[in-house]
C-alpha atoms as a PDB file:
ATOM      1  CA  MET A   1     292.115  97.725 227.452  1.00  0.00           C
ATOM      2  CA  LYS A   2     295.607  99.035 226.762  1.00  0.00           C
ATOM      3  CA  PRO A   3     296.617  98.445 223.156  1.00  0.00           C
ATOM      4  CA  PHE A   4     299.144  95.783 222.268  1.00  0.00           C
ATOM      5  CA  ILE A   5     301.641  97.990 220.464  1.00  0.00           C
ATOM      6  CA  ILE A   6     303.856  96.753 217.644  1.00  0.00           C
ATOM      7  CA  PRO A   7     306.670  99.337 217.431  1.00  0.00           C
ATOM      8  CA  ILE A   8     308.207 100.169 214.072  1.00  0.00           C
ATOM      9  CA  PHE A   9     311.215 102.455 214.512  1.00  0.00           C
ATOM     10  CA  LEU A  10     312.186 104.995 211.868  1.00  0.00           C
ATOM     11  CA  PRO A  11     315.101 106.790 213.584  1.00  0.00           C
ATOM     12  CA  GLN A  12     315.257 110.460 212.578  1.00  0.00           C
ATOM     13  CA  ALA A  13     313.405 109.659 209.362  1.00  0.00           C
ATOM     14  CA  GLY A  14     311.521 112.657 208.012  1.00  0.00           C
ATOM     15  CA  CYS A  15     313.299 115.054 210.356  1.00  0.00           C
ATOM     16  CA  PRO A  16     314.275 118.324 208.638  1.00  0.00           C
ATOM     17  CA  HIS A  17     317.272 118.682 210.972  1.00  0.00           C
ATOM     18  CA  ARG A  18     318.672 117.235 214.162  1.00  0.00           C
ATOM     19  CA  CYS A  19     317.643 118.479 217.601  1.00  0.00           C
ATOM     20  CA  VAL A  20     320.432 119.071 220.114  1.00  0.00           C
ATOM     21  CA  PHE A  21     319.406 116.141 222.305  1.00  0.00           C
ATOM     22  CA  CYS A  22     318.747 113.609 219.580  1.00  0.00           C
ATOM     23  CA  ASN A  23     320.430 110.322 218.861  1.00  0.00           C
ATOM     24  CA  GLN A  24     317.549 108.086 217.810  1.00  0.00           C
ATOM     25  CA  TYR A  25     319.901 105.339 216.689  1.00  0.00           C
ATOM     26  CA  ALA A  26     321.012 104.915 220.314  1.00  0.00           C
ATOM     27  CA  ILE A  27     317.445 104.962 221.658  1.00  0.00           C
ATOM     28  CA  THR A  28     315.894 102.603 219.109  1.00  0.00           C
ATOM     29  CA  ASN A  29     318.860 100.311 218.303  1.00  0.00           C
ATOM     30  CA  VAL A  30     317.812 100.625 214.655  1.00  0.00           C
ATOM     31  CA  SER A  31     320.448 101.807 212.202  1.00  0.00           C
ATOM     32  CA  THR A  32     318.342 102.656 209.163  1.00  0.00           C
ATOM     33  CA  GLN A  33     315.746 105.339 208.527  1.00  0.00           C
ATOM     34  CA  GLN A  34     313.821 103.347 205.932  1.00  0.00           C
ATOM     35  CA  ILE A  35     311.955 100.084 206.349  1.00  0.00           C
ATOM     36  CA  HIS A  36     310.966  98.020 203.331  1.00  0.00           C
ATOM     37  CA  PRO A  37     307.367  96.732 203.331  1.00  0.00           C
ATOM     38  CA  ASN A  38     308.613  93.132 203.566  1.00  0.00           C
ATOM     39  CA  HIS A  39     310.715  94.057 206.593  1.00  0.00           C
ATOM     40  CA  LEU A  40     307.702  95.798 208.139  1.00  0.00           C
ATOM     41  CA  SER A  41     305.584  92.692 207.614  1.00  0.00           C
ATOM     42  CA  GLY A  42     308.267  90.544 209.230  1.00  0.00           C
ATOM     43  CA  ILE A  43     308.314  92.740 212.343  1.00  0.00           C
ATOM     44  CA  VAL A  44     304.517  92.743 212.612  1.00  0.00           C
ATOM     45  CA  ASP A  45     304.226  88.983 212.136  1.00  0.00           C
ATOM     46  CA  GLN A  46     306.856  88.366 214.792  1.00  0.00           C
ATOM     47  CA  PHE A  47     305.155  90.629 217.340  1.00  0.00           C
ATOM     48  CA  LEU A  48     301.766  89.072 216.678  1.00  0.00           C
ATOM     49  CA  LYS A  49     303.241  85.795 217.929  1.00  0.00           C
ATOM     50  CA  TYR A  50     303.903  87.543 221.279  1.00  0.00           C
ATOM     51  CA  ASN A  51     300.244  88.471 221.725  1.00  0.00           C
ATOM     52  CA  HIS A  52     299.667  85.399 223.856  1.00  0.00           C
ATOM     53  CA  HIS A  53     296.679  86.848 225.700  1.00  0.00           C
ATOM     54  CA  GLN A  54     295.033  87.710 222.397  1.00  0.00           C
ATOM     55  CA  ASN A  55     294.616  91.388 223.190  1.00  0.00           C
ATOM     56  CA  ALA A  56     291.854  92.510 220.834  1.00  0.00           C
ATOM     57  CA  ASN A  57     293.279  96.044 220.611  1.00  0.00           C
ATOM     58  CA  VAL A  58     296.451  95.841 218.520  1.00  0.00           C
ATOM     59  CA  GLN A  59     298.208  98.866 217.002  1.00  0.00           C
ATOM     60  CA  ILE A  60     301.057  99.183 214.537  1.00  0.00           C
ATOM     61  CA  SER A  61     303.048 102.174 215.780  1.00  0.00           C
ATOM     62  CA  PHE A  62     305.629 104.193 213.854  1.00  0.00           C
ATOM     63  CA  TYR A  63     308.128 105.803 216.252  1.00  0.00           C
ATOM     64  CA  GLY A  64     311.520 107.475 216.316  1.00  0.00           C
ATOM     65  CA  GLY A  65     311.088 109.866 213.419  1.00  0.00           C
ATOM     66  CA  ASN A  66     308.838 112.535 211.994  1.00  0.00           C
ATOM     67  CA  PHE A  67     306.225 110.429 210.222  1.00  0.00           C
ATOM     68  CA  LEU A  68     304.403 113.171 208.326  1.00  0.00           C
ATOM     69  CA  GLY A  69     307.768 114.625 207.301  1.00  0.00           C
ATOM     70  CA  LEU A  70     308.520 111.531 205.225  1.00  0.00           C
ATOM     71  CA  PRO A  71     308.165 111.697 201.429  1.00  0.00           C
ATOM     72  CA  GLU A  72     304.542 111.146 200.416  1.00  0.00           C
ATOM     73  CA  ASN A  73     305.282 107.888 198.585  1.00  0.00           C
ATOM     74  CA  GLN A  74     306.994 106.443 201.668  1.00  0.00           C
ATOM     75  CA  ILE A  75     304.113 107.438 203.959  1.00  0.00           C
ATOM     76  CA  LEU A  76     301.629 105.731 201.663  1.00  0.00           C
ATOM     77  CA  GLU A  77     303.814 102.662 201.236  1.00  0.00           C
ATOM     78  CA  LEU A  78     304.047 102.163 205.003  1.00  0.00           C
ATOM     79  CA  LEU A  79     300.350 102.792 205.542  1.00  0.00           C
ATOM     80  CA  GLU A  80     299.340 100.457 202.713  1.00  0.00           C
ATOM     81  CA  THR A  81     301.369  97.641 204.254  1.00  0.00           C
ATOM     82  CA  ALA A  82     299.925  98.330 207.705  1.00  0.00           C
ATOM     83  CA  GLN A  83     296.418  98.510 206.261  1.00  0.00           C
ATOM     84  CA  THR A  84     296.660  94.953 204.970  1.00  0.00           C
ATOM     85  CA  TYR A  85     296.671  93.823 208.609  1.00  0.00           C
ATOM     86  CA  ILE A  86     293.563  95.917 209.211  1.00  0.00           C
ATOM     87  CA  HIS A  87     291.783  94.136 206.368  1.00  0.00           C
ATOM     88  CA  SER A  88     292.816  90.735 207.750  1.00  0.00           C
ATOM     89  CA  GLN A  89     291.622  91.864 211.205  1.00  0.00           C
ATOM     90  CA  LYS A  90     294.990  91.033 212.781  1.00  0.00           C
ATOM     91  CA  ILE A  91     295.355  94.606 214.022  1.00  0.00           C
ATOM     92  CA  GLN A  92     292.774  97.245 214.763  1.00  0.00           C
ATOM     93  CA  SER A  93     294.509 100.585 214.221  1.00  0.00           C
ATOM     94  CA  ILE A  94     297.663 102.527 213.385  1.00  0.00           C
ATOM     95  CA  ARG A  95     299.484 105.211 215.370  1.00  0.00           C
ATOM     96  CA  PHE A  96     302.554 107.334 214.725  1.00  0.00           C
ATOM     97  CA  SER A  97     304.602 110.167 216.190  1.00  0.00           C
ATOM     98  CA  THR A  98     305.342 113.367 214.316  1.00  0.00           C
ATOM     99  CA  ARG A  99     306.322 116.998 214.815  1.00  0.00           C
ATOM    100  CA  PRO A 100     303.599 119.563 215.536  1.00  0.00           C
ATOM    101  CA  ASP A 101     304.541 121.631 212.488  1.00  0.00           C
ATOM    102  CA  THR A 102     303.798 118.726 210.127  1.00  0.00           C
ATOM    103  CA  ILE A 103     300.094 118.739 210.998  1.00  0.00           C
ATOM    104  CA  LYS A 104     298.867 120.334 207.788  1.00  0.00           C
ATOM    105  CA  LYS A 105     295.548 119.653 206.122  1.00  0.00           C
ATOM    106  CA  ASN A 106     297.180 118.475 202.900  1.00  0.00           C
ATOM    107  CA  ARG A 107     299.199 115.924 204.885  1.00  0.00           C
ATOM    108  CA  LEU A 108     296.196 114.782 206.860  1.00  0.00           C
ATOM    109  CA  GLN A 109     294.390 114.140 203.581  1.00  0.00           C
ATOM    110  CA  LEU A 110     296.909 111.362 202.945  1.00  0.00           C
ATOM    111  CA  LEU A 111     295.617 109.552 206.025  1.00  0.00           C
ATOM    112  CA  LYS A 112     291.895 109.518 205.361  1.00  0.00           C
ATOM    113  CA  ASN A 113     291.778 106.023 203.795  1.00  0.00           C
ATOM    114  CA  TYR A 114     293.713 104.347 206.608  1.00  0.00           C
ATOM    115  CA  ALA A 115     292.753 103.137 210.085  1.00  0.00           C
ATOM    116  CA  ILE A 116     294.809 105.694 211.987  1.00  0.00           C
ATOM    117  CA  LYS A 117     293.580 106.210 215.524  1.00  0.00           C
ATOM    118  CA  THR A 118     296.399 107.862 217.467  1.00  0.00           C
ATOM    119  CA  ILE A 119     298.856 110.634 216.608  1.00  0.00           C
ATOM    120  CA  GLU A 120     301.585 111.596 219.064  1.00  0.00           C
ATOM    121  CA  LEU A 121     303.148 115.038 218.902  1.00  0.00           C
ATOM    122  CA  GLY A 122     306.773 115.686 219.852  1.00  0.00           C
ATOM    123  CA  VAL A 123     305.890 118.767 221.888  1.00  0.00           C
ATOM    124  CA  GLN A 124     308.890 118.666 224.291  1.00  0.00           C
ATOM    125  CA  SER A 125     308.195 122.169 225.674  1.00  0.00           C
ATOM    126  CA  MET A 126     305.670 124.996 225.371  1.00  0.00           C
ATOM    127  CA  ASN A 127     308.375 127.635 225.848  1.00  0.00           C
ATOM    128  CA  ASP A 128     309.537 129.107 222.533  1.00  0.00           C
ATOM    129  CA  GLN A 129     312.968 130.092 223.854  1.00  0.00           C
ATOM    130  CA  ILE A 130     313.615 126.547 225.065  1.00  0.00           C
ATOM    131  CA  LEU A 131     312.392 125.122 221.751  1.00  0.00           C
ATOM    132  CA  ALA A 132     314.800 127.443 219.926  1.00  0.00           C
ATOM    133  CA  LEU A 133     317.736 126.502 222.178  1.00  0.00           C
ATOM    134  CA  SER A 134     316.955 122.837 221.521  1.00  0.00           C
ATOM    135  CA  ARG A 135     316.800 123.554 217.757  1.00  0.00           C
ATOM    136  CA  ARG A 136     313.368 122.008 217.465  1.00  0.00           C
ATOM    137  CA  GLY A 137     312.386 124.197 214.533  1.00  0.00           C
ATOM    138  CA  HIS A 138     308.755 124.564 215.646  1.00  0.00           C
ATOM    139  CA  SER A 139     306.944 126.841 218.063  1.00  0.00           C
ATOM    140  CA  SER A 140     304.443 126.429 220.872  1.00  0.00           C
ATOM    141  CA  ASP A 141     301.817 127.883 218.528  1.00  0.00           C
ATOM    142  CA  ASP A 142     302.450 124.938 216.197  1.00  0.00           C
ATOM    143  CA  THR A 143     301.562 122.617 219.067  1.00  0.00           C
ATOM    144  CA  ARG A 144     298.396 124.537 219.913  1.00  0.00           C
ATOM    145  CA  LEU A 145     297.236 124.527 216.295  1.00  0.00           C
ATOM    146  CA  ALA A 146     298.190 120.886 215.701  1.00  0.00           C
ATOM    147  CA  SER A 147     296.349 119.732 218.826  1.00  0.00           C
ATOM    148  CA  MET A 148     293.222 121.608 217.789  1.00  0.00           C
ATOM    149  CA  ILE A 149     293.301 120.282 214.213  1.00  0.00           C
ATOM    150  CA  LEU A 150     293.842 116.675 215.283  1.00  0.00           C
ATOM    151  CA  LYS A 151     291.000 116.894 217.790  1.00  0.00           C
ATOM    152  CA  ASP A 152     288.746 118.301 215.058  1.00  0.00           C
ATOM    153  CA  TYR A 153     289.676 115.356 212.820  1.00  0.00           C
ATOM    154  CA  GLY A 154     288.755 112.942 215.605  1.00  0.00           C
ATOM    155  CA  TYR A 155     292.206 111.524 216.307  1.00  0.00           C
ATOM    156  CA  GLN A 156     293.411 110.453 219.733  1.00  0.00           C
ATOM    157  CA  VAL A 157     296.181 112.943 220.548  1.00  0.00           C
ATOM    158  CA  GLY A 158     299.284 112.344 222.645  1.00  0.00           C
ATOM    159  CA  HIS A 159     301.944 114.820 223.797  1.00  0.00           C
ATOM    160  CA  GLN A 160     305.564 113.881 224.401  1.00  0.00           C
ATOM    161  CA  LEU A 161     307.340 116.185 226.876  1.00  0.00           C
ATOM    162  CA  MET A 162     310.992 116.547 227.901  1.00  0.00           C
ATOM    163  CA  PRO A 163     311.786 118.245 231.224  1.00  0.00           C
ATOM    164  CA  GLY A 164     315.361 119.426 231.619  1.00  0.00           C
ATOM    165  CA  LEU A 165     316.027 120.775 228.118  1.00  0.00           C
ATOM    166  CA  PRO A 166     318.584 123.592 227.721  1.00  0.00           C
ATOM    167  CA  GLY A 167     317.212 126.718 229.400  1.00  0.00           C
ATOM    168  CA  ASP A 168     314.445 124.794 231.165  1.00  0.00           C
ATOM    169  CA  THR A 169     313.708 125.414 234.846  1.00  0.00           C
ATOM    170  CA  ASP A 170     311.159 124.114 237.313  1.00  0.00           C
ATOM    171  CA  LYS A 171     309.052 127.197 236.595  1.00  0.00           C
ATOM    172  CA  THR A 172     309.219 126.992 232.793  1.00  0.00           C
ATOM    173  CA  PHE A 173     308.379 123.304 232.822  1.00  0.00           C
ATOM    174  CA  ASP A 174     305.527 123.944 235.247  1.00  0.00           C
ATOM    175  CA  ASN A 175     304.211 126.502 232.743  1.00  0.00           C
ATOM    176  CA  THR A 176     304.526 123.879 229.995  1.00  0.00           C
ATOM    177  CA  ILE A 177     302.437 121.466 232.062  1.00  0.00           C
ATOM    178  CA  GLU A 178     299.724 124.087 232.602  1.00  0.00           C
ATOM    179  CA  GLU A 179     299.582 124.861 228.885  1.00  0.00           C
ATOM    180  CA  VAL A 180     299.454 121.190 227.931  1.00  0.00           C
ATOM    181  CA  ILE A 181     296.642 120.585 230.427  1.00  0.00           C
ATOM    182  CA  ALA A 182     294.717 123.411 228.769  1.00  0.00           C
ATOM    183  CA  LEU A 183     295.086 121.632 225.398  1.00  0.00           C
ATOM    184  CA  LYS A 184     293.574 118.442 226.885  1.00  0.00           C
ATOM    185  CA  PRO A 185     295.589 115.743 225.114  1.00  0.00           C
ATOM    186  CA  ASP A 186     294.305 112.205 225.493  1.00  0.00           C
ATOM    187  CA  PHE A 187     297.580 111.109 227.074  1.00  0.00           C
ATOM    188  CA  VAL A 188     301.136 112.251 227.797  1.00  0.00           C
ATOM    189  CA  ARG A 189     304.618 110.740 227.838  1.00  0.00           C
ATOM    190  CA  LEU A 190     307.348 112.216 230.060  1.00  0.00           C
ATOM    191  CA  TYR A 191     310.984 111.786 229.018  1.00  0.00           C
ATOM    192  CA  PRO A 192     313.537 113.626 231.206  1.00  0.00           C
ATOM    193  CA  THR A 193     316.351 114.895 228.991  1.00  0.00           C
ATOM    194  CA  LEU A 194     319.406 112.648 228.752  1.00  0.00           C
ATOM    195  CA  VAL A 195     322.811 113.516 227.322  1.00  0.00           C
ATOM    196  CA  LEU A 196     323.466 110.956 224.595  1.00  0.00           C
ATOM    197  CA  LYS A 197     326.824 110.414 222.954  1.00  0.00           C
ATOM    198  CA  GLY A 198     326.805 111.635 219.394  1.00  0.00           C
ATOM    199  CA  SER A 199     324.394 114.492 220.107  1.00  0.00           C
ATOM    200  CA  LEU A 200     325.131 118.205 220.096  1.00  0.00           C
ATOM    201  CA  LEU A 201     323.995 118.276 223.718  1.00  0.00           C
ATOM    202  CA  ALA A 202     326.902 115.948 224.543  1.00  0.00           C
ATOM    203  CA  LYS A 203     329.337 118.528 223.162  1.00  0.00           C
ATOM    204  CA  TRP A 204     327.653 121.236 225.208  1.00  0.00           C
ATOM    205  CA  TYR A 205     327.811 119.090 228.330  1.00  0.00           C
ATOM    206  CA  LEU A 206     331.523 118.362 227.881  1.00  0.00           C
ATOM    207  CA  ALA A 207     332.129 122.093 227.317  1.00  0.00           C
ATOM    208  CA  ASN A 208     330.177 122.942 230.510  1.00  0.00           C
ATOM    209  CA  ARG A 209     327.498 124.694 228.473  1.00  0.00           C
ATOM    210  CA  TYR A 210     324.718 122.426 229.693  1.00  0.00           C
ATOM    211  CA  THR A 211     323.956 120.904 233.079  1.00  0.00           C
ATOM    212  CA  PRO A 212     321.461 118.011 233.093  1.00  0.00           C
ATOM    213  CA  LEU A 213     318.942 117.344 235.819  1.00  0.00           C
ATOM    214  CA  THR A 214     320.109 115.176 238.681  1.00  0.00           C
ATOM    215  CA  LEU A 215     318.156 111.980 239.192  1.00  0.00           C
ATOM    216  CA  ASN A 216     316.591 113.197 242.438  1.00  0.00           C
ATOM    217  CA  ARG A 217     315.531 116.511 240.932  1.00  0.00           C
ATOM    218  CA  ALA A 218     314.116 114.821 237.846  1.00  0.00           C
ATOM    219  CA  VAL A 219     312.080 112.404 239.979  1.00  0.00           C
ATOM    220  CA  SER A 220     310.699 115.279 242.062  1.00  0.00           C
ATOM    221  CA  LEU A 221     309.904 117.380 238.985  1.00  0.00           C
ATOM    222  CA  VAL A 222     308.162 114.554 237.146  1.00  0.00           C
ATOM    223  CA  LYS A 223     306.300 113.549 240.317  1.00  0.00           C
ATOM    224  CA  ASN A 224     304.785 117.010 240.661  1.00  0.00           C
ATOM    225  CA  CYS A 225     303.677 117.225 237.037  1.00  0.00           C
ATOM    226  CA  LEU A 226     302.342 113.647 237.106  1.00  0.00           C
ATOM    227  CA  ILE A 227     300.081 114.601 240.001  1.00  0.00           C
ATOM    228  CA  LYS A 228     298.820 117.604 238.027  1.00  0.00           C
ATOM    229  CA  PHE A 229     298.009 115.446 235.014  1.00  0.00           C
ATOM    230  CA  GLN A 230     296.248 112.896 237.201  1.00  0.00           C
ATOM    231  CA  ASN A 231     294.213 115.643 238.858  1.00  0.00           C
ATOM    232  CA  ASN A 232     293.092 116.730 235.386  1.00  0.00           C
ATOM    233  CA  GLN A 233     292.257 113.187 234.216  1.00  0.00           C
ATOM    234  CA  ILE A 234     295.070 113.115 231.639  1.00  0.00           C
ATOM    235  CA  PRO A 235     296.791 109.702 231.632  1.00  0.00           C
ATOM    236  CA  VAL A 236     300.585 109.575 231.684  1.00  0.00           C
ATOM    237  CA  ILE A 237     301.340 106.397 229.752  1.00  0.00           C
ATOM    238  CA  ARG A 238     305.142 106.471 229.938  1.00  0.00           C
ATOM    239  CA  ILE A 239     307.649 107.939 232.390  1.00  0.00           C
ATOM    240  CA  GLY A 240     311.322 107.768 231.422  1.00  0.00           C
ATOM    241  CA  ILE A 241     312.925 106.219 228.407  1.00  0.00           C
ATOM    242  CA  GLN A 242     312.453 102.492 227.782  1.00  0.00           C
ATOM    243  CA  PRO A 243     315.572 100.700 229.113  1.00  0.00           C
ATOM    244  CA  GLN A 244     317.509  98.725 226.514  1.00  0.00           C
ATOM    245  CA  ASP A 245     320.833  96.922 226.705  1.00  0.00           C
ATOM    246  CA  GLN A 246     322.613  99.089 224.158  1.00  0.00           C
ATOM    247  CA  LEU A 247     321.143 102.363 225.439  1.00  0.00           C
ATOM    248  CA  GLU A 248     323.281 102.670 228.564  1.00  0.00           C
ATOM    249  CA  ARG A 249     326.424 102.647 226.429  1.00  0.00           C
ATOM    250  CA  TYR A 250     325.276 105.903 224.846  1.00  0.00           C
ATOM    251  CA  ILE A 251     324.233 107.786 227.988  1.00  0.00           C
ATOM    252  CA  LEU A 252     326.884 110.318 228.888  1.00  0.00           C
ATOM    253  CA  ALA A 253     324.951 112.085 231.653  1.00  0.00           C
ATOM    254  CA  GLY A 254     321.462 112.876 232.872  1.00  0.00           C
ATOM    255  CA  PRO A 255     318.741 111.387 235.084  1.00  0.00           C
ATOM    256  CA  TYR A 256     318.661 107.861 233.705  1.00  0.00           C
ATOM    257  CA  HIS A 257     317.395 104.949 235.756  1.00  0.00           C
ATOM    258  CA  PRO A 258     316.043 101.695 234.283  1.00  0.00           C
ATOM    259  CA  ALA A 259     313.089 101.950 236.679  1.00  0.00           C
ATOM    260  CA  PHE A 260     312.576 105.710 236.542  1.00  0.00           C
ATOM    261  CA  GLY A 261     308.783 105.445 236.601  1.00  0.00           C
ATOM    262  CA  HIS A 262     308.987 103.171 239.638  1.00  0.00           C
ATOM    263  CA  LEU A 263     311.019 105.849 241.449  1.00  0.00           C
ATOM    264  CA  VAL A 264     308.395 108.486 240.678  1.00  0.00           C
ATOM    265  CA  TYR A 265     305.417 106.430 241.840  1.00  0.00           C
ATOM    266  CA  SER A 266     307.376 105.276 244.868  1.00  0.00           C
ATOM    267  CA  GLU A 267     308.003 108.877 245.923  1.00  0.00           C
ATOM    268  CA  ILE A 268     304.313 109.744 245.484  1.00  0.00           C
ATOM    269  CA  LEU A 269     303.370 106.895 247.819  1.00  0.00           C
ATOM    270  CA  LEU A 270     306.047 107.914 250.320  1.00  0.00           C
ATOM    271  CA  ASP A 271     304.723 111.484 250.385  1.00  0.00           C
ATOM    272  CA  SER A 272     301.165 110.258 250.881  1.00  0.00           C
ATOM    273  CA  VAL A 273     302.032 107.881 253.707  1.00  0.00           C
ATOM    274  CA  THR A 274     304.288 110.438 255.394  1.00  0.00           C
ATOM    275  CA  GLU A 275     301.558 113.072 255.501  1.00  0.00           C
ATOM    276  CA  THR A 276     299.072 110.585 256.942  1.00  0.00           C
ATOM    277  CA  ILE A 277     301.442 109.286 259.608  1.00  0.00           C
ATOM    278  CA  LYS A 278     302.216 112.855 260.693  1.00  0.00           C
ATOM    279  CA  GLN A 279     298.561 113.171 261.686  1.00  0.00           C
ATOM    280  CA  THR A 280     298.393 109.911 263.655  1.00  0.00           C
ATOM    281  CA  CYS A 281     298.712 109.724 267.439  1.00  0.00           C
ATOM    282  CA  SER A 282     299.440 106.033 267.877  1.00  0.00           C
ATOM    283  CA  ASN A 283     302.943 104.635 267.763  1.00  0.00           C
ATOM    284  CA  GLN A 284     301.634 101.405 266.218  1.00  0.00           C
ATOM    285  CA  ILE A 285     301.017 101.939 262.489  1.00  0.00           C
ATOM    286  CA  ILE A 286     299.900  99.433 259.869  1.00  0.00           C
ATOM    287  CA  ILE A 287     300.069 100.437 256.210  1.00  0.00           C
ATOM    288  CA  VAL A 288     297.673  98.247 254.237  1.00  0.00           C
ATOM    289  CA  VAL A 289     298.492  98.213 250.535  1.00  0.00           C
ATOM    290  CA  ASN A 290     297.347  96.396 247.418  1.00  0.00           C
ATOM    291  CA  PRO A 291     299.913  93.718 246.443  1.00  0.00           C
ATOM    292  CA  ARG A 292     300.534  95.514 243.137  1.00  0.00           C
ATOM    293  CA  GLN A 293     301.759  98.554 245.064  1.00  0.00           C
ATOM    294  CA  VAL A 294     303.929  96.852 247.699  1.00  0.00           C
ATOM    295  CA  SER A 295     307.232  97.192 245.829  1.00  0.00           C
ATOM    296  CA  LYS A 296     306.511 100.835 245.004  1.00  0.00           C
ATOM    297  CA  LEU A 297     305.634 101.589 248.619  1.00  0.00           C
ATOM    298  CA  LYS A 298     308.773  99.914 249.954  1.00  0.00           C
ATOM    299  CA  GLY A 299     310.902 101.601 247.303  1.00  0.00           C
ATOM    300  CA  ILE A 300     313.945 100.312 245.471  1.00  0.00           C
ATOM    301  CA  ASN A 301     316.256  98.586 247.959  1.00  0.00           C
ATOM    302  CA  LYS A 302     313.565  99.343 250.590  1.00  0.00           C
ATOM    303  CA  ASN A 303     314.548 103.004 250.488  1.00  0.00           C
ATOM    304  CA  ASN A 304     311.056 104.185 251.492  1.00  0.00           C
ATOM    305  CA  VAL A 305     311.022 101.831 254.479  1.00  0.00           C
ATOM    306  CA  MET A 306     314.332 103.266 255.646  1.00  0.00           C
ATOM    307  CA  GLN A 307     313.075 106.822 255.172  1.00  0.00           C
ATOM    308  CA  LEU A 308     309.917 106.145 257.180  1.00  0.00           C
ATOM    309  CA  THR A 309     311.989 104.596 259.956  1.00  0.00           C
ATOM    310  CA  HIS A 310     314.247 107.646 259.967  1.00  0.00           C
ATOM    311  CA  ARG A 311     311.373 110.145 259.908  1.00  0.00           C
ATOM    312  CA  PHE A 312     309.308 108.373 262.568  1.00  0.00           C
ATOM    313  CA  PRO A 313     311.800 106.594 264.871  1.00  0.00           C
ATOM    314  CA  GLN A 314     309.255 106.445 267.711  1.00  0.00           C
ATOM    315  CA  LYS A 315     306.664 104.569 265.640  1.00  0.00           C
ATOM    316  CA  ASN A 316     306.456 100.880 264.855  1.00  0.00           C
ATOM    317  CA  ILE A 317     305.425 100.755 261.186  1.00  0.00           C
ATOM    318  CA  ARG A 318     304.343  97.550 259.449  1.00  0.00           C
ATOM    319  CA  ILE A 319     303.355  97.021 255.824  1.00  0.00           C
ATOM    320  CA  VAL A 320     300.600  94.487 255.083  1.00  0.00           C
ATOM    321  CA  SER A 321     299.303  93.566 251.615  1.00  0.00           C
ATOM    322  CA  ASP A 322     295.587  93.163 250.955  1.00  0.00           C
ATOM    323  CA  PRO A 323     294.165  92.566 247.458  1.00  0.00           C
ATOM    324  CA  GLY A 324     290.814  93.905 248.660  1.00  0.00           C
ATOM    325  CA  ILE A 325     291.870  97.554 248.644  1.00  0.00           C
ATOM    326  CA  PRO A 326     292.615  99.559 245.490  1.00  0.00           C
ATOM    327  CA  ASN A 327     295.772 101.327 246.712  1.00  0.00           C
ATOM    328  CA  LEU A 328     296.661 101.771 250.380  1.00  0.00           C
ATOM    329  CA  CYS A 329     295.418 102.972 253.739  1.00  0.00           C
ATOM    330  CA  VAL A 330     297.133 103.761 257.050  1.00  0.00           C
ATOM    331  CA  LEU A 331     295.696 102.282 260.253  1.00  0.00           C
ATOM    332  CA  GLU A 332     296.432 103.101 263.900  1.00  0.00           C
ATOM    333  CA  ILE A 333     296.312 100.300 266.427  1.00  0.00           C
END
């Protein structure tokens, strides 16, 4: 069962510097780096009220900063507060995101008395030149070492990746995907790079020093790497940044869409159906699809339906939903 995640945002907290793309205040809608234990408890208690289905797998999750880069006393204070919910059996585990270069054995020793299950690494790229251009301050070797250490310690490991960073190309990001697959993380998140107001990348964009991915190119790029991860049994648990009301005010440029993941899955289904129809002889085609996949197959504003009609004008194509099939199949009649 997917965990019921209670997000605690610590925007840019623990970060030794600011990456060129970063404006965590815009992404998280949280204006402070520090959260008092009482405030943390208030957030957790409120989210627990939302767990209407009583998901038995609940995680407190610290996002938006560099958790292991925080001062030791703050790390322990946050973990102690979270651990009280472990003792009361209201939550089952803790997760956090951090930079690969903070995975040091002395830091991991701080965690041993707490119910931490999942650690997400802000990998972004496995190309050292791209990491340098983005002012990440860590290397691809840091990611390799951190992934190995966390696996040895028994943690569930996640990688966060950002296609479209300065200097990135289809080829360099494809190489990043291959290297990440070799590291075998337990899951991946894919966040195409956006130009956020207040970031250094915004200045570069306005000075014509940086060109973001177009939406169509980003969808195609993410689609191809998603297929590779799926083929290697590595779950992709998030595609595109979580839409929020205040976020769009900060987006200056880049491949943002509130349903970015939907666009990616929709294109995968379109490709699959197109290839199958190309091999059919009949002009009467029925696409049978699970109800959960109907909207993705049709596409936003029925874009996929229009594309199929354009590509196969001689064929009569119908879409029928059937809860008895896992995904879809194409039938000739």
